C-alpha atoms as a PDB file:
ATOM      1  CA  MET A   1       1.452  -3.166 -18.384  1.00  0.00           C
ATOM      2  CA  ARG A   2       5.012  -1.615 -18.782  1.00  0.00           C
ATOM      3  CA  LEU A   3       5.976   1.751 -16.880  1.00  0.00           C
ATOM      4  CA  GLU A   4       9.167   2.525 -18.465  1.00  0.00           C
ATOM      5  CA  GLY A   5       9.822   6.416 -17.661  1.00  0.00           C
ATOM      6  CA  ARG A   6       7.849   6.308 -14.274  1.00  0.00           C
ATOM      7  CA  ALA A   7       8.941   7.158 -11.024  1.00  0.00           C
ATOM      8  CA  ALA A   8       6.899   5.365  -8.176  1.00  0.00           C
ATOM      9  CA  MET A   9       7.072   5.685  -4.286  1.00  0.00           C
ATOM     10  CA  VAL A  10       6.323   2.363  -2.247  1.00  0.00           C
ATOM     11  CA  THR A  11       5.632   2.827   1.442  1.00  0.00           C
ATOM     12  CA  GLY A  12       6.382  -0.012   3.878  1.00  0.00           C
ATOM     13  CA  ALA A  13       8.730  -1.500   1.262  1.00  0.00           C
ATOM     14  CA  GLY A  14      10.880  -3.683   3.576  1.00  0.00           C
ATOM     15  CA  GLN A  15       9.198  -6.820   3.096  1.00  0.00           C
ATOM     16  CA  GLY A  16       6.325  -8.574   2.207  1.00  0.00           C
ATOM     17  CA  ILE A  17       3.383  -7.252   0.052  1.00  0.00           C
ATOM     18  CA  GLY A  18       5.542  -3.772  -0.207  1.00  0.00           C
ATOM     19  CA  ARG A  19       8.528  -5.359  -1.223  1.00  0.00           C
ATOM     20  CA  ALA A  20       6.745  -7.440  -3.957  1.00  0.00           C
ATOM     21  CA  ILE A  21       5.131  -4.469  -5.148  1.00  0.00           C
ATOM     22  CA  ALA A  22       8.301  -2.458  -5.334  1.00  0.00           C
ATOM     23  CA  LEU A  23       9.833  -5.144  -7.291  1.00  0.00           C
ATOM     24  CA  ALA A  24       6.858  -5.892  -9.580  1.00  0.00           C
ATOM     25  CA  LEU A  25       6.997  -2.098 -10.565  1.00  0.00           C
ATOM     26  CA  GLY A  26      10.737  -2.081 -10.972  1.00  0.00           C
ATOM     27  CA  LYS A  27      10.235  -5.220 -13.353  1.00  0.00           C
ATOM     28  CA  ALA A  28       7.650  -3.376 -15.352  1.00  0.00           C
ATOM     29  CA  GLY A  29      10.247  -0.367 -16.010  1.00  0.00           C
ATOM     30  CA  ALA A  30       9.522   2.082 -13.201  1.00  0.00           C
ATOM     31  CA  ASN A  31      12.234   3.853 -10.746  1.00  0.00           C
ATOM     32  CA  VAL A  32      11.037   3.049  -7.107  1.00  0.00           C
ATOM     33  CA  ALA A  33      11.494   5.470  -4.277  1.00  0.00           C
ATOM     34  CA  LEU A  34      11.075   2.849  -1.116  1.00  0.00           C
ATOM     35  CA  THR A  35      10.299   4.038   2.591  1.00  0.00           C
ATOM     36  CA  SER A  36      10.366   2.235   5.744  1.00  0.00           C
ATOM     37  CA  ARG A  37      10.886   2.727   9.583  1.00  0.00           C
ATOM     38  CA  ARG A  38      13.177  -0.181   9.506  1.00  0.00           C
ATOM     39  CA  CYS A  39      15.865   1.199   6.953  1.00  0.00           C
ATOM     40  CA  ALA A  40      18.031  -1.845   6.722  1.00  0.00           C
ATOM     41  CA  MET A  41      15.510  -3.987   5.332  1.00  0.00           C
ATOM     42  CA  LEU A  42      15.295  -1.671   2.433  1.00  0.00           C
ATOM     43  CA  ASP A  43      19.021  -2.428   1.308  1.00  0.00           C
ATOM     44  CA  PRO A  44      18.128  -5.844  -0.484  1.00  0.00           C
ATOM     45  CA  VAL A  45      15.276  -4.377  -2.202  1.00  0.00           C
ATOM     46  CA  ILE A  46      17.304  -1.679  -3.309  1.00  0.00           C
ATOM     47  CA  GLN A  47      19.907  -3.975  -5.003  1.00  0.00           C
ATOM     48  CA  GLU A  48      17.450  -6.067  -6.743  1.00  0.00           C
ATOM     49  CA  LEU A  49      15.851  -3.042  -8.340  1.00  0.00           C
ATOM     50  CA  LYS A  50      19.440  -1.899  -9.248  1.00  0.00           C
ATOM     51  CA  GLY A  51      20.081  -5.347 -10.529  1.00  0.00           C
ATOM     52  CA  MET A  52      17.274  -4.726 -13.159  1.00  0.00           C
ATOM     53  CA  GLY A  53      18.856  -1.608 -14.039  1.00  0.00           C
ATOM     54  CA  ARG A  54      16.418   0.676 -12.271  1.00  0.00           C
ATOM     55  CA  GLU A  55      17.069   3.614 -10.185  1.00  0.00           C
ATOM     56  CA  ALA A  56      16.212   3.530  -6.609  1.00  0.00           C
ATOM     57  CA  LEU A  57      15.679   5.767  -3.442  1.00  0.00           C
ATOM     58  CA  LYS A  58      15.593   5.000   0.163  1.00  0.00           C
ATOM     59  CA  PHE A  59      13.838   7.078   2.734  1.00  0.00           C
ATOM     60  CA  CYS A  60      14.000   5.965   6.436  1.00  0.00           C
ATOM     61  CA  ALA A  61      11.106   7.753   7.002  1.00  0.00           C
ATOM     62  CA  ASP A  62       8.024   7.347   9.558  1.00  0.00           C
ATOM     63  CA  VAL A  63       4.736   8.029   7.405  1.00  0.00           C
ATOM     64  CA  SER A  64       2.881   9.037  10.328  1.00  0.00           C
ATOM     65  CA  ILE A  65       5.045  12.096  10.632  1.00  0.00           C
ATOM     66  CA  ALA A  66       3.560  14.635   8.072  1.00  0.00           C
ATOM     67  CA  GLU A  67       7.230  16.761   7.738  1.00  0.00           C
ATOM     68  CA  ALA A  68       9.143  13.432   6.972  1.00  0.00           C
ATOM     69  CA  VAL A  69       6.711  12.395   4.235  1.00  0.00           C
ATOM     70  CA  GLN A  70       6.932  15.886   2.736  1.00  0.00           C
ATOM     71  CA  GLU A  71      10.406  15.945   3.000  1.00  0.00           C
ATOM     72  CA  MET A  72      10.741  12.346   1.135  1.00  0.00           C
ATOM     73  CA  VAL A  73       8.277  13.642  -1.462  1.00  0.00           C
ATOM     74  CA  ASP A  74      10.331  16.763  -1.917  1.00  0.00           C
ATOM     75  CA  GLN A  75      13.584  14.796  -2.335  1.00  0.00           C
ATOM     76  CA  THR A  76      12.095  12.366  -4.802  1.00  0.00           C
ATOM     77  CA  ILE A  77      10.656  15.179  -6.727  1.00  0.00           C
ATOM     78  CA  SER A  78      14.117  16.712  -6.829  1.00  0.00           C
ATOM     79  CA  ALA A  79      15.862  13.428  -7.878  1.00  0.00           C
ATOM     80  CA  TRP A  80      13.515  12.540 -10.422  1.00  0.00           C
ATOM     81  CA  GLY A  81      11.306  15.487 -11.280  1.00  0.00           C
ATOM     82  CA  LYS A  82       8.120  14.162 -10.495  1.00  0.00           C
ATOM     83  CA  ILE A  83       6.092  11.048  -8.733  1.00  0.00           C
ATOM     84  CA  ASP A  84       3.789   9.473 -10.864  1.00  0.00           C
ATOM     85  CA  ILE A  85       2.687   6.367  -8.804  1.00  0.00           C
ATOM     86  CA  LEU A  86       2.381   6.312  -5.126  1.00  0.00           C
ATOM     87  CA  VAL A  87       1.657   3.022  -3.594  1.00  0.00           C
ATOM     88  CA  ASN A  88       0.266   3.441   0.407  1.00  0.00           C
ATOM     89  CA  ASN A  89       1.157  -0.044   1.706  1.00  0.00           C
ATOM     90  CA  ALA A  90       2.761   0.931   5.360  1.00  0.00           C
ATOM     91  CA  ALA A  91       0.794  -0.213   8.308  1.00  0.00           C
ATOM     92  CA  ILE A  92       1.379  -1.773  11.848  1.00  0.00           C
ATOM     93  CA  THR A  93      -1.060  -3.922  13.979  1.00  0.00           C
ATOM     94  CA  LYS A  94      -1.692  -3.653  17.663  1.00  0.00           C
ATOM     95  CA  ASP A  95      -4.189  -6.252  18.231  1.00  0.00           C
ATOM     96  CA  THR A  96      -6.369  -6.699  21.242  1.00  0.00           C
ATOM     97  CA  LEU A  97     -10.389  -6.816  22.234  1.00  0.00           C
ATOM     98  CA  ALA A  98     -11.906  -3.358  21.830  1.00  0.00           C
ATOM     99  CA  MET A  99     -12.577  -3.368  25.783  1.00  0.00           C
ATOM    100  CA  ARG A 100      -8.827  -3.930  26.380  1.00  0.00           C
ATOM    101  CA  MET A 101      -7.763  -1.499  23.788  1.00  0.00           C
ATOM    102  CA  LYS A 102      -5.404   1.312  25.223  1.00  0.00           C
ATOM    103  CA  ASP A 103      -5.546   4.514  23.855  1.00  0.00           C
ATOM    104  CA  GLY A 104      -1.860   4.654  22.572  1.00  0.00           C
ATOM    105  CA  ASP A 105      -2.436   1.379  20.398  1.00  0.00           C
ATOM    106  CA  TRP A 106      -5.606   2.671  18.994  1.00  0.00           C
ATOM    107  CA  GLY A 107      -3.781   5.855  18.018  1.00  0.00           C
ATOM    108  CA  ALA A 108      -0.829   4.412  16.846  1.00  0.00           C
ATOM    109  CA  VAL A 109      -2.453   2.223  14.427  1.00  0.00           C
ATOM    110  CA  LEU A 110      -4.746   5.032  12.813  1.00  0.00           C
ATOM    111  CA  LYS A 111      -1.621   7.424  12.658  1.00  0.00           C
ATOM    112  CA  THR A 112       0.225   4.861  10.615  1.00  0.00           C
ATOM    113  CA  ASN A 113      -2.157   3.403   8.773  1.00  0.00           C
ATOM    114  CA  LEU A 114      -4.538   6.026   7.606  1.00  0.00           C
ATOM    115  CA  ASP A 115      -2.838   9.319   8.344  1.00  0.00           C
ATOM    116  CA  GLY A 116       0.125   8.149   6.920  1.00  0.00           C
ATOM    117  CA  ALA A 117      -1.887   7.228   3.678  1.00  0.00           C
ATOM    118  CA  PHE A 118      -3.178  10.720   3.556  1.00  0.00           C
ATOM    119  CA  TYR A 119      -0.076  12.552   4.380  1.00  0.00           C
ATOM    120  CA  CYS A 120       1.690  11.019   1.409  1.00  0.00           C
ATOM    121  CA  THR A 121      -1.282  11.326  -0.985  1.00  0.00           C
ATOM    122  CA  ARG A 122      -1.486  14.892   0.240  1.00  0.00           C
ATOM    123  CA  ALA A 123       2.011  15.544  -0.708  1.00  0.00           C
ATOM    124  CA  VAL A 124       2.010  13.966  -3.902  1.00  0.00           C
ATOM    125  CA  LEU A 125      -0.810  15.576  -5.514  1.00  0.00           C
ATOM    126  CA  PRO A 126       0.177  18.836  -6.504  1.00  0.00           C
ATOM    127  CA  ALA A 127       2.842  17.240  -8.903  1.00  0.00           C
ATOM    128  CA  MET A 128       0.608  14.926 -10.185  1.00  0.00           C
ATOM    129  CA  VAL A 129      -2.097  17.613 -10.793  1.00  0.00           C
ATOM    130  CA  LYS A 130       0.550  19.924 -12.341  1.00  0.00           C
ATOM    131  CA  GLN A 131       1.462  17.135 -14.772  1.00  0.00           C
ATOM    132  CA  ARG A 132      -1.855  15.705 -15.178  1.00  0.00           C
ATOM    133  CA  TRP A 133      -1.418  12.424 -14.378  1.00  0.00           C
ATOM    134  CA  GLY A 134      -1.189  10.101 -11.757  1.00  0.00           C
ATOM    135  CA  ARG A 135      -1.828   6.695  -9.783  1.00  0.00           C
ATOM    136  CA  ILE A 136      -2.531   6.176  -6.320  1.00  0.00           C
ATOM    137  CA  ILE A 137      -3.197   2.564  -5.050  1.00  0.00           C
ATOM    138  CA  ASN A 138      -3.991   2.114  -1.063  1.00  0.00           C
ATOM    139  CA  VAL A 139      -3.542  -0.970   0.300  1.00  0.00           C
ATOM    140  CA  ALA A 140      -6.720  -1.698   2.665  1.00  0.00           C
ATOM    141  CA  SER A 141      -7.714  -5.292   3.658  1.00  0.00           C
ATOM    142  CA  VAL A 142     -10.611  -7.628   3.437  1.00  0.00           C
ATOM    143  CA  VAL A 143     -10.991  -7.287   7.297  1.00  0.00           C
ATOM    144  CA  ALA A 144     -12.211  -3.444   6.437  1.00  0.00           C
ATOM    145  CA  GLN A 145     -15.257  -5.076   4.678  1.00  0.00           C
ATOM    146  CA  THR A 146     -16.067  -7.934   6.801  1.00  0.00           C
ATOM    147  CA  GLY A 147     -14.613  -6.825  10.263  1.00  0.00           C
ATOM    148  CA  ASN A 148     -12.165  -8.963  12.682  1.00  0.00           C
ATOM    149  CA  VAL A 149     -12.312  -9.691  16.310  1.00  0.00           C
ATOM    150  CA  GLY A 150      -9.428  -8.011  18.111  1.00  0.00           C
ATOM    151  CA  GLN A 151      -8.529  -5.472  15.589  1.00  0.00           C
ATOM    152  CA  ALA A 152     -11.025  -2.558  16.124  1.00  0.00           C
ATOM    153  CA  ASN A 153      -7.935  -0.139  15.103  1.00  0.00           C
ATOM    154  CA  TYR A 154      -6.758  -2.072  12.561  1.00  0.00           C
ATOM    155  CA  VAL A 155     -10.058  -2.487  10.670  1.00  0.00           C
ATOM    156  CA  ALA A 156     -11.186   1.096  11.659  1.00  0.00           C
ATOM    157  CA  SER A 157      -8.020   2.255   9.875  1.00  0.00           C
ATOM    158  CA  LYS A 158      -8.450  -0.020   6.608  1.00  0.00           C
ATOM    159  CA  ALA A 159     -12.090   0.955   6.269  1.00  0.00           C
ATOM    160  CA  GLY A 160     -10.622   4.669   6.321  1.00  0.00           C
ATOM    161  CA  ILE A 161      -8.544   3.962   3.696  1.00  0.00           C
ATOM    162  CA  ILE A 162     -11.418   2.750   1.677  1.00  0.00           C
ATOM    163  CA  GLY A 163     -13.270   6.088   2.218  1.00  0.00           C
ATOM    164  CA  LEU A 164     -10.275   7.899   1.643  1.00  0.00           C
ATOM    165  CA  THR A 165      -9.715   6.280  -1.803  1.00  0.00           C
ATOM    166  CA  LYS A 166     -13.298   7.070  -3.016  1.00  0.00           C
ATOM    167  CA  ALA A 167     -12.982  10.694  -1.841  1.00  0.00           C
ATOM    168  CA  VAL A 168      -9.672  11.560  -3.483  1.00  0.00           C
ATOM    169  CA  ALA A 169     -11.063   9.629  -6.713  1.00  0.00           C
ATOM    170  CA  ALA A 170     -13.602  12.191  -6.950  1.00  0.00           C
ATOM    171  CA  GLU A 171     -11.745  15.260  -6.427  1.00  0.00           C
ATOM    172  CA  VAL A 172      -8.870  14.523  -8.788  1.00  0.00           C
ATOM    173  CA  ALA A 173     -10.543  12.646 -11.629  1.00  0.00           C
ATOM    174  CA  ARG A 174     -10.610  15.165 -14.131  1.00  0.00           C
ATOM    175  CA  ARG A 175      -6.690  15.770 -13.771  1.00  0.00           C
ATOM    176  CA  ASN A 176      -6.184  12.168 -15.221  1.00  0.00           C
ATOM    177  CA  ILE A 177      -5.312  10.779 -11.687  1.00  0.00           C
ATOM    178  CA  THR A 178      -6.593   7.656 -10.730  1.00  0.00           C
ATOM    179  CA  VAL A 179      -7.227   6.539  -6.871  1.00  0.00           C
ATOM    180  CA  ASN A 180      -7.729   2.972  -6.151  1.00  0.00           C
ATOM    181  CA  ALA A 181      -7.503   0.432  -3.274  1.00  0.00           C
ATOM    182  CA  ILE A 182      -6.957  -3.148  -3.265  1.00  0.00           C
ATOM    183  CA  ALA A 183      -8.129  -5.288  -0.305  1.00  0.00           C
ATOM    184  CA  PRO A 184      -5.954  -8.397   0.195  1.00  0.00           C
ATOM    185  CA  GLY A 185      -7.122 -11.430   2.009  1.00  0.00           C
ATOM    186  CA  PHE A 186      -5.016 -13.371   4.195  1.00  0.00           C
ATOM    187  CA  ILE A 187      -1.474 -13.228   2.182  1.00  0.00           C
ATOM    188  CA  ALA A 188       1.606 -15.562   3.418  1.00  0.00           C
ATOM    189  CA  THR A 189       3.820 -12.886   4.727  1.00  0.00           C
ATOM    190  CA  PRO A 190       5.691 -11.898   8.168  1.00  0.00           C
ATOM    191  CA  MET A 191       2.559 -10.732   9.363  1.00  0.00           C
ATOM    192  CA  THR A 192       0.485 -13.903   9.186  1.00  0.00           C
ATOM    193  CA  ASP A 193       3.663 -16.159   9.806  1.00  0.00           C
ATOM    194  CA  VAL A 194       3.199 -15.547  13.164  1.00  0.00           C
ATOM    195  CA  LEU A 195      -0.275 -17.022  13.252  1.00  0.00           C
ATOM    196  CA  SER A 196      -0.644 -20.271  15.220  1.00  0.00           C
ATOM    197  CA  ALA A 197      -1.486 -23.448  13.024  1.00  0.00           C
ATOM    198  CA  GLU A 198      -5.040 -23.813  14.566  1.00  0.00           C
ATOM    199  CA  ILE A 199      -5.882 -20.012  13.527  1.00  0.00           C
ATOM    200  CA  LYS A 200      -4.512 -20.748  10.139  1.00  0.00           C
ATOM    201  CA  GLU A 201      -6.565 -23.760  10.056  1.00  0.00           C
ATOM    202  CA  LYS A 202      -9.668 -21.652  10.552  1.00  0.00           C
ATOM    203  CA  ILE A 203      -8.903 -19.148   8.163  1.00  0.00           C
ATOM    204  CA  LEU A 204      -8.219 -21.131   5.116  1.00  0.00           C
ATOM    205  CA  GLY A 205     -11.753 -22.781   6.183  1.00  0.00           C
ATOM    206  CA  VAL A 206     -13.421 -19.369   5.101  1.00  0.00           C
ATOM    207  CA  ILE A 207     -11.473 -18.936   2.010  1.00  0.00           C
ATOM    208  CA  PRO A 208     -13.036 -20.828  -0.958  1.00  0.00           C
ATOM    209  CA  MET A 209      -9.725 -21.261  -2.663  1.00  0.00           C
ATOM    210  CA  GLY A 210      -8.369 -23.099   0.057  1.00  0.00           C
ATOM    211  CA  ARG A 211      -4.970 -21.441   0.626  1.00  0.00           C
ATOM    212  CA  MET A 212      -3.711 -18.115   1.379  1.00  0.00           C
ATOM    213  CA  GLY A 213      -2.638 -15.662  -1.291  1.00  0.00           C
ATOM    214  CA  THR A 214       1.210 -14.819  -2.167  1.00  0.00           C
ATOM    215  CA  ASP A 215       2.483 -11.521  -2.146  1.00  0.00           C
ATOM    216  CA  ALA A 216       3.497 -11.781  -5.878  1.00  0.00           C
ATOM    217  CA  GLU A 217      -0.342 -11.829  -6.587  1.00  0.00           C
ATOM    218  CA  VAL A 218      -1.285  -8.603  -4.381  1.00  0.00           C
ATOM    219  CA  ALA A 219       1.623  -7.016  -6.065  1.00  0.00           C
ATOM    220  CA  HIS A 220       0.230  -8.169  -9.820  1.00  0.00           C
ATOM    221  CA  GLY A 221      -3.073  -6.343  -8.892  1.00  0.00           C
ATOM    222  CA  VAL A 222      -1.123  -3.335  -8.006  1.00  0.00           C
ATOM    223  CA  LEU A 223       0.862  -3.338 -11.170  1.00  0.00           C
ATOM    224  CA  PHE A 224      -2.479  -3.393 -13.416  1.00  0.00           C
ATOM    225  CA  LEU A 225      -3.935  -0.388 -11.289  1.00  0.00           C
ATOM    226  CA  ALA A 226      -0.699   1.748 -11.849  1.00  0.00           C
ATOM    227  CA  SER A 227      -0.559   0.792 -15.475  1.00  0.00           C
ATOM    228  CA  PRO A 228      -2.221   2.716 -18.582  1.00  0.00           C
ATOM    229  CA  GLU A 229      -4.519  -0.309 -19.173  1.00  0.00           C
ATOM    230  CA  ALA A 230      -6.315   0.665 -16.095  1.00  0.00           C
ATOM    231  CA  SER A 231      -6.977   4.285 -17.110  1.00  0.00           C
ATOM    232  CA  TYR A 232     -10.932   4.481 -16.713  1.00  0.00           C
ATOM    233  CA  ILE A 233     -10.812   2.657 -13.424  1.00  0.00           C
ATOM    234  CA  THR A 234     -10.880   4.844 -10.237  1.00  0.00           C
ATOM    235  CA  GLY A 235     -12.427   5.173  -6.913  1.00  0.00           C
ATOM    236  CA  HIS A 236     -12.439   1.191  -7.196  1.00  0.00           C
ATOM    237  CA  VAL A 237     -11.884  -1.561  -4.307  1.00  0.00           C
ATOM    238  CA  LEU A 238      -9.803  -4.521  -6.024  1.00  0.00           C
ATOM    239  CA  ASN A 239     -10.498  -7.787  -3.595  1.00  0.00           C
ATOM    240  CA  ILE A 240      -7.696 -10.153  -3.915  1.00  0.00           C
ATOM    241  CA  ASN A 241      -8.692 -12.666  -1.304  1.00  0.00           C
ATOM    242  CA  GLY A 242      -9.317 -16.059  -2.863  1.00  0.00           C
ATOM    243  CA  GLY A 243     -13.192 -15.366  -3.056  1.00  0.00           C
ATOM    244  CA  MET A 244     -13.156 -14.853   0.829  1.00  0.00           C
ATOM    245  CA  TYR A 245     -15.305 -11.700   0.527  1.00  0.00           C
ATOM    246  CA  MET A 246     -17.765 -11.481  -2.267  1.00  0.00           C
ATOM    247  CA  ALA A 247     -20.180  -8.821  -1.838  1.00  0.00           C
END
């Protein structure tokens, strides 16, 4: 699964799954543009990529702002002449029960998680269509398929990601552009580190493999979908969840 000469963009790349994806793409040979609202978190990732001999670009951008997305895409294409691979990973959570959820918390999660993925996808598609090659991988979640108490906004955004994936996949398939999603289960990241021991124990009880996944295991799934070996896969949702969801 080699990606020499490819140019990739990974949103939300400062930590956790996004960081692991960026490094996996770099190890496979791709140059990587990184985005995050927390700019300083990107610096160590940039250094690791450069240590591999890769080129890396850093954007302190908020993907919920369409103009900011277009600017970072334009700058990446100006630097490298193309974007071959887009990974829409940026996401936030603002959890509470639906009956207590404020409009702002609903809107902020949808704006970042779903609108941001759409803005990035829309911005890269003209260049991909022109070159007749592209890989778009959207990061959904197991809860988009199962639901989850206290996460109506997050679940809705991730379910929307799956719908967006299938719709765009159908639109661009004849241009040799694949659009797929991954749906991670519970992965050991800073987002899950804050869970209490009691909640973690309950989670492990519904995972047939009896453990949380690693960010590297998720990154390997993205790497496969970005690779030439996945050229006949599009509109697919790859479940990476230890057997938690098998439908």
